[in-house]
Amino acid sequence: MKADRTGFLAGLLAYSLWGLYPFYFKALHDVSSVEILAHRIVWSLAMLAPFLLMNDVRTDVRRVLGTPKLLLGMVVSTLIISSNWLVYVLAVQGGHVLEASLGYFLSPLTFIVLALIVLRERLRPLQWLAVGIAAAGVLWMIIHAGVVPKIALFLGISFSVYGLLRKRLPVGPIAGLFLECLFATPLAAVLFWYTQSQEGIAFLRNGWFTDLLILLAGFVTVGPLWLFNVAAKRLPLATIGMLQYIAPTLLFLFGAFAFDEPTDGGRLIGFAAIWLALACYTTDALRGTKAARTS
């Protein structure tokens, strides 16, 4: 029971921190999105480097570097998660927090579709219903707004593809994130060069508070992930599934009430469809967990 409580608190804190991301990135409004991405890569790598002292992490890293197929998989996952991070920061700093929240609401549902297509898994009736309702909600938003919610679809699909790829790669979470940051280091160097050639790098130029926020980029990136891994080891999958809706819900609330983004009736109908789809998804997950315990 103590372990379950610890896991639940870790998961609650992880998803709450992810939900608070907009305030962090909004506070860095004087720093360009590409420079923020570069700092996230560099400071996350610095924060993860001490974990190489652990035997299992070191073993995972060596195995990936010595296996071309695993190496290619990790390079691809690096490109996907880096683009996801960049688009998310662009969305927050550009005043699209609500659309970002929609993307992460869609993520578990797009993961189901990927499992159907890539893993050839069979969907249960409630899962089909959830996917159908979510698709109807997105279609309604497109018709209502007259534009495709590109940010939401990119964030939802890219994060699902990333999750599926990492699920299939036999690499531990800490070693995997270390390698992703390591492989993204050349990208960070290019981003720093580009920023310097344009408006100049903001680090050490915009005051101590901005510098402090930049230095916290490693913790902001790695901290919630570490808490999530603690929760994932201690909690049933269905509980994790329910906790994952905390972050996009907070994003939605902050976007609507803290950042005054437009929330007309048409958009709310689309979000309501997504929430209904997630309710179906969660109900199915709970039933599956109960059936597994019974058997």
Protein backbone atom coordinates (compact mmCIF):
# COMPACT_ATOMS: atom_id res chain seq x y z
CA MET A 1 0.00 0.00 0.00
CA LYS A 2 2.87 2.33 0.80
CA ALA A 3 4.41 1.67 -2.63
CA ASP A 4 1.06 2.35 -4.32
CA ARG A 5 0.72 5.64 -2.47
CA THR A 6 4.26 6.64 -3.45
CA GLY A 7 3.59 5.71 -7.07
CA PHE A 8 0.32 7.63 -7.14
CA LEU A 9 1.92 10.76 -5.66
CA ALA A 10 4.82 10.49 -8.12
CA GLY A 11 2.41 10.19 -11.06
CA LEU A 12 0.23 13.02 -9.78
CA LEU A 13 3.26 15.30 -9.42
CA ALA A 14 4.68 14.33 -12.84
CA TYR A 15 1.51 15.11 -14.76
CA SER A 16 0.89 18.26 -12.70
CA LEU A 17 4.37 19.54 -13.57
CA TRP A 18 3.73 18.82 -17.25
CA GLY A 19 0.48 20.74 -16.93
CA LEU A 20 2.36 23.73 -15.51
CA TYR A 21 4.77 23.88 -18.47
CA PRO A 22 2.99 26.87 -20.10
CA PHE A 23 3.89 29.14 -17.17
CA TYR A 24 7.55 28.13 -17.50
CA PHE A 25 7.70 28.74 -21.25
CA LYS A 26 5.62 31.91 -21.02
CA ALA A 27 8.14 33.25 -18.48
CA LEU A 28 10.82 32.71 -21.15
CA HIS A 29 9.01 34.95 -23.65
CA ASP A 30 12.23 36.89 -24.28
CA VAL A 31 14.02 33.69 -25.35
CA SER A 32 13.41 32.26 -28.82
CA SER A 33 11.83 28.83 -29.16
CA VAL A 34 14.85 27.37 -30.92
CA GLU A 35 17.19 28.55 -28.17
CA ILE A 36 14.90 27.05 -25.52
CA LEU A 37 15.02 23.70 -27.35
CA ALA A 38 18.82 23.87 -27.50
CA HIS A 39 19.03 24.57 -23.76
CA ARG A 40 16.62 21.71 -22.97
CA ILE A 41 18.90 19.33 -24.87
CA VAL A 42 22.17 20.54 -23.33
CA TRP A 43 21.06 20.88 -19.72
CA SER A 44 19.10 17.60 -19.82
CA LEU A 45 22.23 15.85 -21.06
CA ALA A 46 24.24 17.41 -18.22
CA MET A 47 21.62 16.30 -15.69
CA LEU A 48 21.48 12.74 -17.06
CA ALA A 49 25.25 12.24 -17.41
CA PRO A 50 25.76 11.17 -13.72
CA PHE A 51 23.36 8.24 -14.33
CA LEU A 52 26.11 6.66 -16.44
CA LEU A 53 27.63 5.61 -13.11
CA MET A 54 24.78 3.07 -12.85
CA ASN A 55 25.67 -0.29 -14.40
CA ASP A 56 22.31 -0.91 -16.08
CA VAL A 57 22.28 2.53 -17.73
CA ARG A 58 25.87 2.12 -18.91
CA THR A 59 25.08 -1.34 -20.29
CA ASP A 60 22.06 -0.03 -22.21
CA VAL A 61 24.10 2.79 -23.74
CA ARG A 62 26.87 0.45 -24.89
CA ARG A 63 24.37 -2.01 -26.35
CA VAL A 64 22.65 0.72 -28.39
CA LEU A 65 25.94 2.15 -29.67
CA GLY A 66 27.06 -1.34 -30.70
CA THR A 67 23.80 -2.38 -32.42
CA PRO A 68 23.07 -0.58 -35.73
CA LYS A 69 19.33 -1.36 -35.63
CA LEU A 70 18.93 0.01 -32.09
CA LEU A 71 21.14 2.98 -32.96
CA LEU A 72 18.94 3.86 -35.94
CA GLY A 73 15.80 3.51 -33.81
CA MET A 74 17.18 5.88 -31.17
CA VAL A 75 18.20 8.43 -33.82
CA VAL A 76 14.66 8.39 -35.22
CA SER A 77 13.15 8.75 -31.73
CA THR A 78 15.51 11.69 -31.14
CA LEU A 79 14.23 13.48 -34.24
CA ILE A 80 10.59 12.84 -33.28
CA ILE A 81 10.80 13.99 -29.65
CA SER A 82 12.95 17.02 -30.56
CA SER A 83 10.36 18.18 -33.11
CA ASN A 84 7.60 17.56 -30.55
CA TRP A 85 9.41 19.71 -27.97
CA LEU A 86 9.97 22.51 -30.48
CA VAL A 87 6.36 22.61 -31.72
CA TYR A 88 5.08 22.58 -28.12
CA VAL A 89 7.22 25.58 -27.15
CA LEU A 90 6.18 27.39 -30.34
CA ALA A 91 2.53 26.68 -29.51
CA VAL A 92 2.77 27.99 -25.94
CA GLN A 93 4.76 31.09 -26.82
CA GLY A 94 2.47 31.74 -29.80
CA GLY A 95 -0.71 31.69 -27.70
CA HIS A 96 -1.96 28.21 -28.70
CA VAL A 97 -2.09 26.50 -25.30
CA LEU A 98 -5.62 25.22 -25.94
CA GLU A 99 -4.58 23.57 -29.18
CA ALA A 100 -1.57 22.03 -27.43
CA SER A 101 -3.90 20.59 -24.78
CA LEU A 102 -6.07 19.09 -27.52
CA GLY A 103 -2.99 17.40 -28.94
CA TYR A 104 -2.19 15.64 -25.68
CA PHE A 105 -5.85 14.72 -25.16
CA LEU A 106 -5.69 13.02 -28.56
CA SER A 107 -2.40 11.25 -27.84
CA PRO A 108 -3.77 8.09 -26.11
CA LEU A 109 -6.43 7.74 -28.79
CA THR A 110 -3.97 8.09 -31.67
CA PHE A 111 -1.83 5.51 -29.88
CA ILE A 112 -4.78 3.08 -30.14
CA VAL A 113 -4.99 3.71 -33.89
CA LEU A 114 -1.25 3.13 -34.28
CA ALA A 115 -1.54 -0.11 -32.32
CA LEU A 116 -4.28 -1.17 -34.73
CA ILE A 117 -2.25 -0.31 -37.84
CA VAL A 118 1.32 -1.16 -36.78
CA LEU A 119 0.91 -3.86 -34.14
CA ARG A 120 -2.19 -5.40 -35.75
CA GLU A 121 -3.98 -5.32 -32.42
CA ARG A 122 -7.73 -5.89 -32.36
CA LEU A 123 -9.79 -3.09 -30.85
CA ARG A 124 -12.56 -3.79 -28.38
CA PRO A 125 -15.99 -2.20 -28.93
CA LEU A 126 -15.43 0.63 -26.44
CA GLN A 127 -12.06 1.40 -28.04
CA TRP A 128 -13.69 1.63 -31.46
CA LEU A 129 -16.32 3.92 -29.97
CA ALA A 130 -13.64 6.12 -28.35
CA VAL A 131 -11.71 6.46 -31.62
CA GLY A 132 -14.91 7.23 -33.55
CA ILE A 133 -16.06 9.92 -31.11
CA ALA A 134 -12.58 11.51 -31.05
CA ALA A 135 -12.45 11.55 -34.85
CA ALA A 136 -15.91 13.17 -34.94
CA GLY A 137 -14.73 15.79 -32.42
CA VAL A 138 -11.66 16.70 -34.48
CA LEU A 139 -13.76 16.78 -37.69
CA TRP A 140 -16.24 19.11 -35.97
CA MET A 141 -13.40 21.46 -34.95
CA ILE A 142 -12.11 21.51 -38.53
CA ILE A 143 -15.59 22.33 -39.89
CA HIS A 144 -16.29 24.91 -37.17
CA ALA A 145 -12.95 26.72 -37.41
CA GLY A 146 -12.48 26.20 -41.12
CA VAL A 147 -8.88 25.11 -40.55
CA VAL A 148 -7.14 21.87 -39.61
CA PRO A 149 -5.81 21.96 -35.99
CA LYS A 150 -2.28 21.29 -37.23
CA ILE A 151 -0.54 21.87 -33.90
CA ALA A 152 -2.87 19.52 -32.02
CA LEU A 153 -2.62 16.78 -34.65
CA PHE A 154 1.17 17.07 -34.85
CA LEU A 155 1.65 16.96 -31.07
CA GLY A 156 -0.79 14.08 -30.61
CA ILE A 157 0.49 11.96 -33.50
CA SER A 158 4.20 12.65 -32.96
CA PHE A 159 4.01 11.83 -29.24
CA SER A 160 2.10 8.62 -29.99
CA VAL A 161 4.61 7.57 -32.66
CA TYR A 162 7.42 8.36 -30.22
CA GLY A 163 5.74 6.32 -27.47
CA LEU A 164 5.19 3.37 -29.80
CA LEU A 165 8.79 3.48 -31.03
CA ARG A 166 10.22 3.68 -27.51
CA LYS A 167 7.90 0.87 -26.41
CA ARG A 168 9.35 -1.40 -29.09
CA LEU A 169 12.99 -0.45 -28.48
CA PRO A 170 14.56 -2.54 -25.68
CA VAL A 171 16.22 0.47 -24.04
CA GLY A 172 15.67 1.71 -20.48
CA PRO A 173 14.02 5.13 -19.99
CA ILE A 174 17.03 6.91 -18.47
CA ALA A 175 19.52 5.47 -20.97
CA GLY A 176 17.11 6.23 -23.79
CA LEU A 177 16.63 9.86 -22.81
CA PHE A 178 20.40 10.28 -22.30
CA LEU A 179 21.07 8.93 -25.80
CA GLU A 180 18.35 11.12 -27.31
CA CYS A 181 19.90 14.22 -25.74
CA LEU A 182 23.38 13.04 -26.79
CA PHE A 183 22.29 12.48 -30.39
CA ALA A 184 20.49 15.85 -30.39
CA THR A 185 23.62 17.72 -29.25
CA PRO A 186 24.70 18.57 -32.86
CA LEU A 187 21.17 19.94 -33.41
CA ALA A 188 21.55 22.05 -30.27
CA ALA A 189 24.86 23.41 -31.57
CA VAL A 190 23.22 24.37 -34.88
CA LEU A 191 20.32 26.03 -33.03
CA PHE A 192 22.74 28.03 -30.85
CA TRP A 193 24.65 29.12 -33.97
CA TYR A 194 21.42 30.11 -35.72
CA THR A 195 20.18 32.06 -32.69
CA GLN A 196 23.49 33.88 -32.32
CA SER A 197 23.47 34.82 -36.02
CA GLN A 198 19.94 36.23 -35.74
CA GLU A 199 19.02 38.07 -32.54
CA GLY A 200 21.82 36.73 -30.35
CA ILE A 201 21.72 34.16 -27.56
CA ALA A 202 19.62 35.34 -24.61
CA PHE A 203 21.51 33.34 -21.97
CA LEU A 204 23.65 35.62 -19.74
CA ARG A 205 22.13 38.71 -21.39
CA ASN A 206 18.56 39.02 -20.09
CA GLY A 207 19.02 39.12 -16.33
CA TRP A 208 19.52 36.59 -13.57
CA PHE A 209 15.91 35.38 -13.45
CA THR A 210 15.88 34.39 -17.13
CA ASP A 211 19.28 32.73 -16.69
CA LEU A 212 17.94 30.77 -13.72
CA LEU A 213 14.94 29.57 -15.70
CA ILE A 214 17.23 28.47 -18.52
CA LEU A 215 19.46 26.56 -16.10
CA LEU A 216 16.36 24.76 -14.83
CA ALA A 217 15.63 23.46 -18.34
CA GLY A 218 17.27 20.13 -17.50
CA PHE A 219 15.18 19.59 -14.38
CA VAL A 220 12.01 20.76 -16.14
CA THR A 221 12.61 18.15 -18.84
CA VAL A 222 14.02 15.21 -16.85
CA GLY A 223 12.29 15.69 -13.46
CA PRO A 224 8.72 14.85 -14.54
CA LEU A 225 10.00 11.95 -16.65
CA TRP A 226 11.78 10.44 -13.64
CA LEU A 227 8.64 10.82 -11.52
CA PHE A 228 6.61 9.21 -14.30
CA ASN A 229 8.96 6.21 -14.36
CA VAL A 230 8.54 5.81 -10.59
CA ALA A 231 4.77 5.82 -11.05
CA ALA A 232 4.87 3.44 -14.02
CA LYS A 233 6.72 0.82 -11.97
CA ARG A 234 4.31 1.00 -9.02
CA LEU A 235 0.86 1.61 -10.52
CA PRO A 236 -1.52 -0.39 -12.74
CA LEU A 237 -1.69 0.71 -16.37
CA ALA A 238 -5.32 1.84 -15.95
CA THR A 239 -4.32 4.22 -13.15
CA ILE A 240 -1.54 5.66 -15.30
CA GLY A 241 -4.09 6.04 -18.08
CA MET A 242 -6.36 8.14 -15.89
CA LEU A 243 -3.51 10.25 -14.49
CA GLN A 244 -2.32 11.19 -17.98
CA TYR A 245 -5.39 13.38 -18.48
CA ILE A 246 -4.27 15.73 -15.69
CA ALA A 247 -1.72 17.56 -17.87
CA PRO A 248 -3.95 18.35 -20.89
CA THR A 249 -6.83 19.28 -18.54
CA LEU A 250 -4.57 21.79 -16.78
CA LEU A 251 -3.41 23.07 -20.18
CA PHE A 252 -7.01 23.58 -21.22
CA LEU A 253 -7.93 25.41 -18.00
CA PHE A 254 -4.84 27.62 -18.10
CA GLY A 255 -5.33 28.39 -21.79
CA ALA A 256 -8.98 29.34 -21.26
CA PHE A 257 -8.76 31.22 -17.96
CA ALA A 258 -5.13 32.21 -17.31
CA PHE A 259 -4.09 33.13 -20.84
CA ASP A 260 -7.52 34.25 -22.12
CA GLU A 261 -7.44 32.18 -25.30
CA PRO A 262 -10.76 32.07 -27.22
CA THR A 263 -13.13 29.29 -26.05
CA ASP A 264 -16.25 29.65 -28.18
CA GLY A 265 -19.10 27.17 -28.07
CA GLY A 266 -17.98 25.33 -31.20
CA ARG A 267 -14.53 24.62 -29.77
CA LEU A 268 -16.05 23.49 -26.47
CA ILE A 269 -18.25 20.99 -28.35
CA GLY A 270 -15.11 19.54 -29.93
CA PHE A 271 -13.37 19.28 -26.55
CA ALA A 272 -16.50 17.69 -25.06
CA ALA A 273 -16.34 14.99 -27.75
CA ILE A 274 -12.69 14.32 -26.90
CA TRP A 275 -13.52 14.09 -23.18
CA LEU A 276 -16.35 11.65 -23.93
CA ALA A 277 -13.96 9.57 -26.02
CA LEU A 278 -11.46 9.54 -23.16
CA ALA A 279 -14.23 8.44 -20.75
CA CYS A 280 -14.93 5.47 -23.03
CA TYR A 281 -11.22 4.72 -23.24
CA THR A 282 -10.76 4.88 -19.46
CA THR A 283 -13.82 2.67 -18.85
CA ASP A 284 -12.39 0.07 -21.22
CA ALA A 285 -8.99 0.24 -19.49
CA LEU A 286 -10.59 -0.25 -16.06
CA ARG A 287 -12.59 -3.22 -17.32
CA GLY A 288 -9.47 -4.76 -18.80
CA THR A 289 -7.57 -4.37 -15.53
CA LYS A 290 -10.45 -5.87 -13.53
CA ALA A 291 -10.70 -8.83 -15.93
CA ALA A 292 -6.94 -9.42 -15.70
CA ARG A 293 -7.08 -9.44 -11.88
CA THR A 294 -10.03 -11.86 -11.92
CA SER A 295 -8.28 -14.28 -14.26
